[in-house]
């Protein structure tokens, strides 16, 4: 699931950059403008996923102990993806 989210974010970013390149913009300018356009959406998606997975990492019941590693992995992977 996390890999799918990471790949989806990357595809969205690359498609937007390619759209700007086809408009005739320089590569650096295209990358900056594309990132500015979808940056807020990517941040919102990332924070909503963190808001879902992080609380379950702190659950103390049997389900919480079972999913603890998955939750932390998902949170760290999505936050790392946002930084990249």
N, C-alpha and C. Protein backbone atom coordinates (compact mmCIF):
# COMPACT_ATOMS: atom_id res chain seq x y z
N UNK A 1 0.82 -1.17 0.00
CA UNK A 1 0.00 0.00 0.00
C UNK A 1 0.88 1.26 0.00
N UNK A 2 1.87 1.26 0.85
CA UNK A 2 2.74 2.45 0.93
C UNK A 2 3.50 2.65 -0.37
N UNK A 3 3.95 1.57 -0.96
CA UNK A 3 4.66 1.69 -2.24
C UNK A 3 3.74 2.27 -3.30
N UNK A 4 2.49 1.87 -3.29
CA UNK A 4 1.52 2.42 -4.23
C UNK A 4 1.33 3.91 -4.05
N UNK A 5 1.28 4.36 -2.82
CA UNK A 5 1.14 5.78 -2.54
C UNK A 5 2.37 6.54 -3.01
N UNK A 6 3.55 6.00 -2.73
CA UNK A 6 4.78 6.66 -3.15
C UNK A 6 4.88 6.75 -4.66
N UNK A 7 4.53 5.66 -5.35
CA UNK A 7 4.58 5.66 -6.81
C UNK A 7 3.54 6.63 -7.37
N UNK A 8 2.36 6.67 -6.79
CA UNK A 8 1.32 7.59 -7.26
C UNK A 8 1.76 9.04 -7.14
N UNK A 9 2.36 9.39 -6.02
CA UNK A 9 2.85 10.77 -5.85
C UNK A 9 3.92 11.09 -6.88
N UNK A 10 4.81 10.14 -7.12
CA UNK A 10 5.88 10.37 -8.10
C UNK A 10 5.31 10.52 -9.51
N UNK A 11 4.34 9.69 -9.87
CA UNK A 11 3.74 9.78 -11.19
C UNK A 11 3.03 11.12 -11.37
N UNK A 12 2.31 11.55 -10.36
CA UNK A 12 1.62 12.84 -10.45
C UNK A 12 2.61 13.97 -10.67
N UNK A 13 3.70 13.93 -9.94
CA UNK A 13 4.71 14.99 -10.06
C UNK A 13 5.35 14.98 -11.45
N UNK A 14 5.73 13.81 -11.92
CA UNK A 14 6.39 13.71 -13.23
C UNK A 14 5.44 14.12 -14.35
N UNK A 15 4.20 13.69 -14.29
CA UNK A 15 3.23 14.08 -15.32
C UNK A 15 3.04 15.59 -15.36
N UNK A 16 3.02 16.21 -14.21
CA UNK A 16 2.85 17.66 -14.17
C UNK A 16 4.09 18.37 -14.72
N UNK A 17 5.25 17.84 -14.43
CA UNK A 17 6.49 18.43 -14.97
C UNK A 17 6.51 18.30 -16.50
N UNK A 18 6.14 17.13 -17.00
CA UNK A 18 6.11 16.91 -18.44
C UNK A 18 5.12 17.87 -19.11
N UNK A 19 3.99 18.11 -18.47
CA UNK A 19 3.01 19.05 -19.02
C UNK A 19 3.63 20.44 -19.16
N UNK A 20 4.38 20.85 -18.16
CA UNK A 20 5.03 22.17 -18.21
C UNK A 20 6.14 22.19 -19.26
N UNK A 21 6.85 21.09 -19.40
CA UNK A 21 7.90 21.03 -20.43
C UNK A 21 7.29 21.15 -21.82
N UNK A 22 6.13 20.53 -22.03
CA UNK A 22 5.46 20.61 -23.34
C UNK A 22 4.94 22.02 -23.63
N UNK A 23 4.79 22.82 -22.59
CA UNK A 23 4.41 24.22 -22.79
C UNK A 23 5.60 25.05 -23.24
N UNK A 24 6.79 24.44 -23.26
CA UNK A 24 7.98 25.13 -23.73
C UNK A 24 8.81 25.77 -22.63
N UNK A 25 8.56 25.41 -21.40
CA UNK A 25 9.31 25.99 -20.29
C UNK A 25 10.64 25.25 -20.12
N UNK A 26 11.60 25.94 -19.51
CA UNK A 26 12.89 25.33 -19.20
C UNK A 26 12.68 24.25 -18.13
N UNK A 27 13.52 23.22 -18.13
CA UNK A 27 13.32 22.13 -17.18
C UNK A 27 13.25 22.56 -15.71
N UNK A 28 14.12 23.44 -15.29
CA UNK A 28 14.11 23.88 -13.89
C UNK A 28 12.84 24.66 -13.59
N UNK A 29 12.46 25.53 -14.48
CA UNK A 29 11.25 26.31 -14.29
C UNK A 29 10.02 25.38 -14.29
N UNK A 30 10.01 24.41 -15.19
CA UNK A 30 8.89 23.46 -15.25
C UNK A 30 8.78 22.67 -13.95
N UNK A 31 9.91 22.23 -13.41
CA UNK A 31 9.90 21.46 -12.17
C UNK A 31 9.41 22.31 -11.00
N UNK A 32 9.87 23.54 -10.93
CA UNK A 32 9.45 24.42 -9.82
C UNK A 32 7.96 24.73 -9.89
N UNK A 33 7.48 25.08 -11.07
CA UNK A 33 6.06 25.42 -11.20
C UNK A 33 5.17 24.20 -10.99
N UNK A 34 5.60 23.05 -11.48
CA UNK A 34 4.81 21.82 -11.30
C UNK A 34 4.73 21.45 -9.83
N UNK A 35 5.84 21.57 -9.13
CA UNK A 35 5.85 21.26 -7.70
C UNK A 35 4.98 22.23 -6.92
N UNK A 36 5.01 23.51 -7.31
CA UNK A 36 4.17 24.50 -6.64
C UNK A 36 2.68 24.20 -6.83
N UNK A 37 2.32 23.72 -8.02
CA UNK A 37 0.91 23.47 -8.32
C UNK A 37 0.33 22.31 -7.51
N UNK A 38 1.08 21.23 -7.37
CA UNK A 38 0.51 20.05 -6.69
C UNK A 38 1.11 19.82 -5.31
N UNK A 39 1.97 20.71 -4.89
CA UNK A 39 2.62 20.55 -3.59
C UNK A 39 1.64 20.49 -2.43
N UNK A 40 0.65 21.35 -2.44
CA UNK A 40 -0.33 21.37 -1.35
C UNK A 40 -1.14 20.08 -1.31
N UNK A 41 -1.49 19.55 -2.47
CA UNK A 41 -2.24 18.29 -2.52
C UNK A 41 -1.40 17.13 -1.98
N UNK A 42 -0.14 17.10 -2.32
CA UNK A 42 0.75 16.03 -1.82
C UNK A 42 0.93 16.15 -0.31
N UNK A 43 1.08 17.36 0.18
CA UNK A 43 1.23 17.58 1.63
C UNK A 43 -0.05 17.15 2.35
N UNK A 44 -1.20 17.51 1.81
CA UNK A 44 -2.47 17.14 2.43
C UNK A 44 -2.65 15.62 2.45
N UNK A 45 -2.31 14.96 1.37
CA UNK A 45 -2.41 13.50 1.32
C UNK A 45 -1.48 12.86 2.35
N UNK A 46 -0.27 13.36 2.42
CA UNK A 46 0.70 12.82 3.37
C UNK A 46 0.24 13.00 4.81
N UNK A 47 -0.22 14.19 5.13
CA UNK A 47 -0.65 14.45 6.50
C UNK A 47 -1.90 13.65 6.87
N UNK A 48 -2.79 13.44 5.91
CA UNK A 48 -3.97 12.63 6.21
C UNK A 48 -3.59 11.17 6.45
N UNK A 49 -2.62 10.66 5.71
CA UNK A 49 -2.16 9.29 5.95
C UNK A 49 -1.46 9.17 7.30
N UNK A 50 -0.68 10.17 7.65
CA UNK A 50 -0.04 10.16 8.97
C UNK A 50 -1.10 10.22 10.06
N UNK A 51 -2.15 11.02 9.85
CA UNK A 51 -3.22 11.13 10.83
C UNK A 51 -3.97 9.82 11.01
N UNK A 52 -3.98 8.98 10.00
CA UNK A 52 -4.64 7.67 10.11
C UNK A 52 -3.74 6.65 10.78
N UNK A 53 -2.49 6.58 10.35
CA UNK A 53 -1.62 5.51 10.81
C UNK A 53 -0.95 5.78 12.15
N UNK A 54 -0.62 7.02 12.44
CA UNK A 54 0.12 7.31 13.66
C UNK A 54 -0.66 6.98 14.94
N UNK A 55 -1.93 7.33 15.04
CA UNK A 55 -2.65 6.98 16.28
C UNK A 55 -2.75 5.47 16.51
N UNK A 56 -2.87 4.71 15.45
CA UNK A 56 -2.97 3.26 15.64
C UNK A 56 -1.65 2.65 16.10
N UNK A 57 -0.56 3.35 15.87
CA UNK A 57 0.74 2.85 16.34
C UNK A 57 0.84 2.90 17.86
N UNK A 58 0.01 3.73 18.47
CA UNK A 58 0.05 3.87 19.93
C UNK A 58 -1.05 3.09 20.65
N UNK A 59 -1.84 2.32 19.91
CA UNK A 59 -2.87 1.50 20.55
C UNK A 59 -2.21 0.41 21.38
N UNK A 60 -2.76 0.12 22.53
CA UNK A 60 -2.14 -0.85 23.43
C UNK A 60 -2.80 -2.22 23.40
N UNK A 61 -3.90 -2.35 22.69
CA UNK A 61 -4.57 -3.65 22.65
C UNK A 61 -3.84 -4.59 21.69
N UNK A 62 -4.41 -5.76 21.47
CA UNK A 62 -3.76 -6.78 20.64
C UNK A 62 -3.61 -6.31 19.20
N UNK A 63 -4.63 -5.61 18.68
CA UNK A 63 -4.54 -5.11 17.31
C UNK A 63 -3.44 -4.05 17.19
N UNK A 64 -3.32 -3.21 18.19
CA UNK A 64 -2.28 -2.19 18.18
C UNK A 64 -0.89 -2.80 18.17
N UNK A 65 -0.71 -3.84 18.98
CA UNK A 65 0.61 -4.50 19.00
C UNK A 65 0.88 -5.21 17.68
N UNK A 66 -0.17 -5.71 17.06
CA UNK A 66 0.00 -6.44 15.80
C UNK A 66 0.39 -5.49 14.66
N UNK A 67 -0.22 -4.30 14.62
CA UNK A 67 0.01 -3.38 13.52
C UNK A 67 1.05 -2.31 13.80
N UNK A 68 1.66 -2.32 14.97
CA UNK A 68 2.59 -1.26 15.36
C UNK A 68 3.72 -1.07 14.34
N UNK A 69 4.37 -2.13 13.93
CA UNK A 69 5.48 -2.02 12.98
C UNK A 69 5.01 -1.51 11.63
N UNK A 70 3.85 -1.99 11.19
CA UNK A 70 3.31 -1.54 9.91
C UNK A 70 3.00 -0.04 9.96
N UNK A 71 2.38 0.39 11.03
CA UNK A 71 2.02 1.80 11.15
C UNK A 71 3.24 2.70 11.12
N UNK A 72 4.26 2.36 11.90
CA UNK A 72 5.48 3.18 11.92
C UNK A 72 6.17 3.17 10.56
N UNK A 73 6.18 2.03 9.90
CA UNK A 73 6.78 1.95 8.57
C UNK A 73 6.04 2.84 7.59
N UNK A 74 4.71 2.78 7.63
CA UNK A 74 3.91 3.61 6.73
C UNK A 74 4.13 5.09 7.00
N UNK A 75 4.11 5.49 8.25
CA UNK A 75 4.30 6.91 8.59
C UNK A 75 5.67 7.39 8.14
N UNK A 76 6.71 6.65 8.45
CA UNK A 76 8.07 7.08 8.08
C UNK A 76 8.27 7.08 6.58
N UNK A 77 7.72 6.10 5.88
CA UNK A 77 7.88 6.05 4.42
C UNK A 77 7.17 7.22 3.74
N UNK A 78 5.97 7.52 4.19
CA UNK A 78 5.22 8.61 3.58
C UNK A 78 5.86 9.96 3.89
N UNK A 79 6.33 10.16 5.11
CA UNK A 79 7.01 11.42 5.45
C UNK A 79 8.33 11.56 4.67
N UNK A 80 9.05 10.46 4.52
CA UNK A 80 10.28 10.50 3.73
C UNK A 80 9.98 10.84 2.27
N UNK A 81 8.91 10.28 1.75
CA UNK A 81 8.51 10.58 0.39
C UNK A 81 8.19 12.06 0.22
N UNK A 82 7.56 12.64 1.21
CA UNK A 82 7.24 14.06 1.16
C UNK A 82 8.52 14.90 1.11
N UNK A 83 9.51 14.52 1.89
CA UNK A 83 10.77 15.25 1.90
C UNK A 83 11.46 15.14 0.54
N UNK A 84 11.42 13.96 -0.03
CA UNK A 84 12.07 13.75 -1.34
C UNK A 84 11.31 14.50 -2.41
